[in-house]
Amino acid sequence: MLDDAGFERAVERLYAAFAHHSMPADMTACEHCVDPADVALFARTPLRELAPDQLGTYLMNPGTWGDETELPHLLPRLLEAYATGEMEHWLWPDRVTRRISDRWQAWPAAERDAVEHFVRVWWHRTLDGYPSVTPAQDLLDAVAELGVDIGPYLAEFAGVPGEAAARHLADVISDWAYGSSLRDGAEESMRRWLAGPTPVDVLRAATGASADPEVATELADAAEHARLVRASLLEEGMLPPAVPGR
């Protein structure tokens, strides 16, 4: 299990990497869309003390509150708040990663590395227990918005021990089959991965290992669902990922 200390280190690394960014002296905001008093309070609130309602209202007003120059300052608090469940009533974490998706790869290496490290730790933390603070599909959407390869994230469904990861996988397959989609190349990566044997294998193995009959039934149903999804993708001509050593 991922220890809390490892997560806290990832959080602190984020804050340290972005510490040199300050809140703009004059935050632009449309006074017809946002109460100027709320903007003023937001601007003078210490970063780590920004409340979920403040962060959520800010995210709900892209283009009318701020000009994006404030994002590097706010990013550590935004990511931390989503990862710890503080933002459960405010949209999804991809609202944050979508805001930085077109620019973050041009940031200094220390900032990019801190973001990638935090998101990987967050993913491990998510798969480590079920249910989790962040549904796996929501976090996968956020990762895809960053434009990074989701392959290593998908591979961890098979790499994290215990049935929790398999139950998250069952949810992801269900969400995807009923209309979820991912950004750009991430959707292709997902389709290719689902066309391979790993999802079915993971779910079948977890079914056999589960000591809870209800969970075992849930996983068995998901394995059959994954098998049908795989068959459909292969019939479409989707090529599964290459298996190392073959």
Protein backbone atom coordinates (compact mmCIF):
# COMPACT_ATOMS: atom_id res chain seq x y z
CA MET A 1 0.00 0.00 0.00
CA LEU A 2 1.20 3.47 -0.86
CA ASP A 3 2.06 5.17 2.41
CA ASP A 4 0.67 8.61 3.24
CA ALA A 5 4.20 9.93 3.61
CA GLY A 6 4.90 9.22 -0.06
CA PHE A 7 1.81 11.15 -1.07
CA GLU A 8 2.70 14.05 1.20
CA ARG A 9 6.19 14.19 -0.30
CA ALA A 10 4.66 14.42 -3.76
CA VAL A 11 2.42 17.26 -2.57
CA GLU A 12 5.35 19.14 -1.06
CA ARG A 13 7.38 18.64 -4.21
CA LEU A 14 4.59 20.32 -6.17
CA TYR A 15 4.47 23.31 -3.86
CA ALA A 16 8.26 23.63 -3.90
CA ALA A 17 8.48 23.46 -7.70
CA PHE A 18 5.92 26.24 -8.17
CA ALA A 19 6.79 28.36 -5.13
CA HIS A 20 8.41 31.08 -7.24
CA HIS A 21 5.09 31.84 -8.94
CA SER A 22 2.99 34.44 -7.14
CA MET A 23 -0.60 35.48 -7.52
CA PRO A 24 -0.92 38.29 -10.10
CA ALA A 25 -1.26 41.65 -8.41
CA ASP A 26 -4.44 42.41 -10.30
CA MET A 27 -6.66 39.43 -11.12
CA THR A 28 -8.91 40.25 -14.03
CA ALA A 29 -12.54 39.17 -13.64
CA CYS A 30 -15.89 40.02 -15.18
CA GLU A 31 -17.87 41.69 -12.42
CA HIS A 32 -21.11 40.58 -14.06
CA CYS A 33 -20.02 36.93 -13.74
CA VAL A 34 -18.10 36.96 -10.47
CA ASP A 35 -18.62 39.01 -7.34
CA PRO A 36 -15.63 41.41 -7.07
CA ALA A 37 -15.57 40.75 -3.32
CA ASP A 38 -15.04 37.04 -3.99
CA VAL A 39 -12.19 37.84 -6.38
CA ALA A 40 -10.57 40.15 -3.84
CA LEU A 41 -10.85 37.52 -1.09
CA PHE A 42 -9.47 34.85 -3.40
CA ALA A 43 -6.47 37.02 -4.30
CA ARG A 44 -5.51 37.72 -0.70
CA THR A 45 -6.10 34.19 0.69
CA PRO A 46 -2.85 32.26 1.25
CA LEU A 47 -2.51 29.55 -1.37
CA ARG A 48 -2.80 26.55 0.95
CA GLU A 49 -5.85 28.07 2.64
CA LEU A 50 -7.94 28.44 -0.52
CA ALA A 51 -11.19 26.58 0.16
CA PRO A 52 -12.85 24.13 -2.26
CA ASP A 53 -15.71 26.54 -2.95
CA GLN A 54 -13.23 29.27 -3.87
CA LEU A 55 -11.29 26.95 -6.17
CA GLY A 56 -14.45 25.53 -7.70
CA THR A 57 -15.92 28.94 -8.45
CA TYR A 58 -12.64 29.96 -10.07
CA LEU A 59 -12.62 26.83 -12.26
CA MET A 60 -16.26 27.37 -13.24
CA ASN A 61 -15.38 30.74 -14.76
CA PRO A 62 -12.66 30.20 -17.36
CA GLY A 63 -12.25 33.26 -19.53
CA THR A 64 -14.18 35.47 -17.13
CA TRP A 65 -11.96 35.08 -14.06
CA GLY A 66 -8.21 35.32 -14.51
CA ASP A 67 -6.09 35.33 -17.64
CA GLU A 68 -4.26 32.02 -17.05
CA THR A 69 -1.12 33.74 -15.69
CA GLU A 70 -2.35 32.76 -12.23
CA LEU A 71 -2.45 29.02 -13.01
CA PRO A 72 1.16 28.14 -12.11
CA HIS A 73 0.64 29.71 -8.70
CA LEU A 74 -2.66 27.89 -8.12
CA LEU A 75 -1.78 24.51 -9.62
CA PRO A 76 -0.34 22.81 -6.49
CA ARG A 77 -3.41 23.67 -4.43
CA LEU A 78 -5.81 22.67 -7.21
CA LEU A 79 -4.19 19.26 -7.71
CA GLU A 80 -3.89 18.64 -3.98
CA ALA A 81 -7.55 19.53 -3.40
CA TYR A 82 -8.75 17.10 -6.06
CA ALA A 83 -6.45 14.30 -4.95
CA THR A 84 -7.56 14.56 -1.32
CA GLY A 85 -11.27 14.63 -2.12
CA GLU A 86 -11.88 18.24 -1.15
CA MET A 87 -13.30 18.98 -4.60
CA GLU A 88 -15.78 16.09 -4.72
CA HIS A 89 -18.68 18.50 -5.32
CA TRP A 90 -16.82 20.58 -7.89
CA LEU A 91 -16.47 19.13 -11.39
CA TRP A 92 -13.62 16.71 -12.19
CA PRO A 93 -9.81 16.88 -12.13
CA ASP A 94 -9.59 17.13 -15.92
CA ARG A 95 -10.87 20.71 -15.51
CA VAL A 96 -7.43 21.49 -14.09
CA THR A 97 -5.26 19.51 -16.49
CA ARG A 98 -7.21 20.78 -19.50
CA ARG A 99 -6.37 24.34 -18.46
CA ILE A 100 -2.62 23.62 -18.60
CA SER A 101 -2.58 21.03 -21.40
CA ASP A 102 -1.36 23.35 -24.14
CA ARG A 103 1.44 24.94 -22.14
CA TRP A 104 2.80 22.72 -19.39
CA GLN A 105 5.26 20.81 -21.62
CA ALA A 106 7.07 24.12 -22.17
CA TRP A 107 7.49 24.71 -18.43
CA PRO A 108 10.87 24.24 -16.69
CA ALA A 109 11.86 20.62 -16.10
CA ALA A 110 11.43 20.83 -12.32
CA GLU A 111 7.81 21.90 -12.74
CA ARG A 112 7.01 19.27 -15.38
CA ASP A 113 8.64 16.54 -13.31
CA ALA A 114 6.74 17.57 -10.19
CA VAL A 115 3.42 17.44 -12.04
CA GLU A 116 4.14 14.05 -13.62
CA HIS A 117 5.39 12.60 -10.34
CA PHE A 118 2.35 13.83 -8.45
CA VAL A 119 -0.08 12.42 -10.99
CA ARG A 120 1.65 9.01 -10.95
CA VAL A 121 1.55 8.91 -7.15
CA TRP A 122 -2.11 9.94 -7.29
CA TRP A 123 -2.81 7.10 -9.73
CA HIS A 124 -1.07 4.56 -7.46
CA ARG A 125 -3.04 5.88 -4.52
CA THR A 126 -6.29 5.53 -6.48
CA LEU A 127 -5.67 1.92 -7.50
CA ASP A 128 -4.57 0.98 -4.00
CA GLY A 129 -8.07 0.98 -2.53
CA TYR A 130 -11.70 0.68 -3.60
CA PRO A 131 -13.65 2.83 -3.64
CA SER A 132 -11.13 5.65 -3.82
CA VAL A 133 -11.29 9.41 -3.47
CA THR A 134 -10.93 9.78 -7.24
CA PRO A 135 -12.68 7.34 -9.60
CA ALA A 136 -10.05 5.82 -11.89
CA GLN A 137 -11.86 6.96 -15.05
CA ASP A 138 -11.91 10.57 -13.83
CA LEU A 139 -8.19 10.50 -13.18
CA LEU A 140 -7.49 8.78 -16.48
CA ASP A 141 -9.39 11.59 -18.20
CA ALA A 142 -7.18 14.11 -16.38
CA VAL A 143 -4.00 12.28 -17.39
CA ALA A 144 -5.13 12.15 -21.01
CA GLU A 145 -5.69 15.93 -20.99
CA LEU A 146 -2.00 16.37 -20.16
CA GLY A 147 -1.16 14.72 -23.47
CA VAL A 148 1.11 12.10 -21.87
CA ASP A 149 1.22 8.41 -22.75
CA ILE A 150 -1.49 6.63 -20.78
CA GLY A 151 0.09 3.23 -21.50
CA PRO A 152 2.07 3.08 -18.23
CA TYR A 153 -1.06 3.99 -16.30
CA LEU A 154 -3.09 1.24 -17.95
CA ALA A 155 -0.28 -1.25 -17.33
CA GLU A 156 -0.57 -0.66 -13.59
CA PHE A 157 -3.98 -2.31 -13.49
CA ALA A 158 -1.99 -5.52 -13.77
CA GLY A 159 0.91 -4.33 -11.63
CA VAL A 160 -0.91 -3.26 -8.47
CA PRO A 161 -1.62 -6.28 -6.20
CA GLY A 162 -5.02 -6.95 -4.68
CA GLU A 163 -8.55 -6.78 -6.03
CA ALA A 164 -8.98 -3.00 -5.69
CA ALA A 165 -7.21 -2.30 -8.98
CA ALA A 166 -9.34 -4.92 -10.73
CA ARG A 167 -12.52 -3.31 -9.41
CA HIS A 168 -11.36 0.05 -10.72
CA LEU A 169 -10.63 -1.63 -14.06
CA ALA A 170 -14.18 -3.01 -14.10
CA ASP A 171 -15.51 0.54 -13.67
CA VAL A 172 -13.24 1.93 -16.38
CA ILE A 173 -14.32 -0.71 -18.90
CA SER A 174 -17.97 -0.07 -18.08
CA ASP A 175 -17.56 3.70 -18.42
CA TRP A 176 -15.67 3.36 -21.69
CA ALA A 177 -18.14 0.90 -23.19
CA TYR A 178 -21.04 3.19 -22.39
CA GLY A 179 -19.65 6.33 -23.92
CA SER A 180 -16.57 7.62 -22.11
CA SER A 181 -13.83 8.82 -24.41
CA LEU A 182 -10.30 10.11 -24.01
CA ARG A 183 -8.43 12.92 -25.67
CA ASP A 184 -6.61 12.43 -28.97
CA GLY A 185 -4.05 9.63 -28.92
CA ALA A 186 -5.14 8.43 -25.49
CA GLU A 187 -8.35 7.05 -26.98
CA GLU A 188 -6.33 5.02 -29.48
CA SER A 189 -4.09 3.73 -26.69
CA MET A 190 -7.14 2.70 -24.68
CA ARG A 191 -8.72 0.89 -27.62
CA ARG A 192 -5.52 -0.99 -28.38
CA TRP A 193 -5.09 -1.97 -24.73
CA LEU A 194 -8.68 -3.20 -24.49
CA ALA A 195 -8.05 -5.26 -27.64
CA GLY A 196 -5.23 -7.08 -25.84
CA PRO A 197 -5.50 -9.89 -23.29
CA THR A 198 -4.52 -7.98 -20.14
CA PRO A 199 -7.93 -6.57 -19.05
CA VAL A 200 -9.64 -9.96 -19.28
CA ASP A 201 -6.71 -11.71 -17.59
CA VAL A 202 -6.62 -9.23 -14.70
CA LEU A 203 -10.36 -9.49 -14.08
CA ARG A 204 -10.43 -13.29 -14.29
CA ALA A 205 -7.49 -13.62 -11.91
CA ALA A 206 -9.12 -11.24 -9.43
CA THR A 207 -12.39 -13.16 -9.70
CA GLY A 208 -10.69 -16.37 -8.67
CA ALA A 209 -8.80 -14.73 -5.83
CA SER A 210 -11.66 -12.77 -4.28
CA ALA A 211 -12.95 -14.01 -0.92
CA ASP A 212 -16.15 -11.98 -1.25
CA PRO A 213 -18.83 -13.76 -3.36
CA GLU A 214 -20.50 -10.49 -4.34
CA VAL A 215 -17.21 -8.95 -5.46
CA ALA A 216 -16.29 -12.16 -7.29
CA THR A 217 -19.57 -11.99 -9.21
CA GLU A 218 -18.98 -8.32 -10.01
CA LEU A 219 -15.51 -9.11 -11.34
CA ALA A 220 -16.70 -12.13 -13.31
CA ASP A 221 -19.35 -10.00 -15.00
CA ALA A 222 -16.70 -7.37 -15.77
CA ALA A 223 -14.38 -10.04 -17.23
CA GLU A 224 -17.13 -11.15 -19.58
CA HIS A 225 -17.81 -7.52 -20.50
CA ALA A 226 -14.11 -7.02 -21.21
CA ARG A 227 -14.07 -10.17 -23.35
CA LEU A 228 -16.95 -8.87 -25.45
CA VAL A 229 -15.30 -5.46 -25.82
CA ARG A 230 -12.08 -7.14 -26.90
CA ALA A 231 -13.86 -9.33 -29.44
CA SER A 232 -15.63 -6.30 -30.91
CA LEU A 233 -12.39 -4.32 -31.22
CA LEU A 234 -10.55 -7.21 -32.83
CA GLU A 235 -13.41 -7.65 -35.28
CA GLU A 236 -13.02 -3.98 -36.19
CA GLY A 237 -9.37 -4.68 -37.01
CA MET A 238 -7.87 -3.06 -33.92
CA LEU A 239 -4.35 -4.34 -33.32
CA PRO A 240 -3.56 -5.07 -29.65
CA PRO A 241 -0.26 -3.88 -28.14
CA ALA A 242 2.77 -6.01 -28.89
CA VAL A 243 3.66 -8.50 -26.17
CA PRO A 244 7.34 -8.17 -25.13
CA GLY A 245 9.42 -11.22 -26.04
CA ARG A 246 7.07 -12.46 -28.74
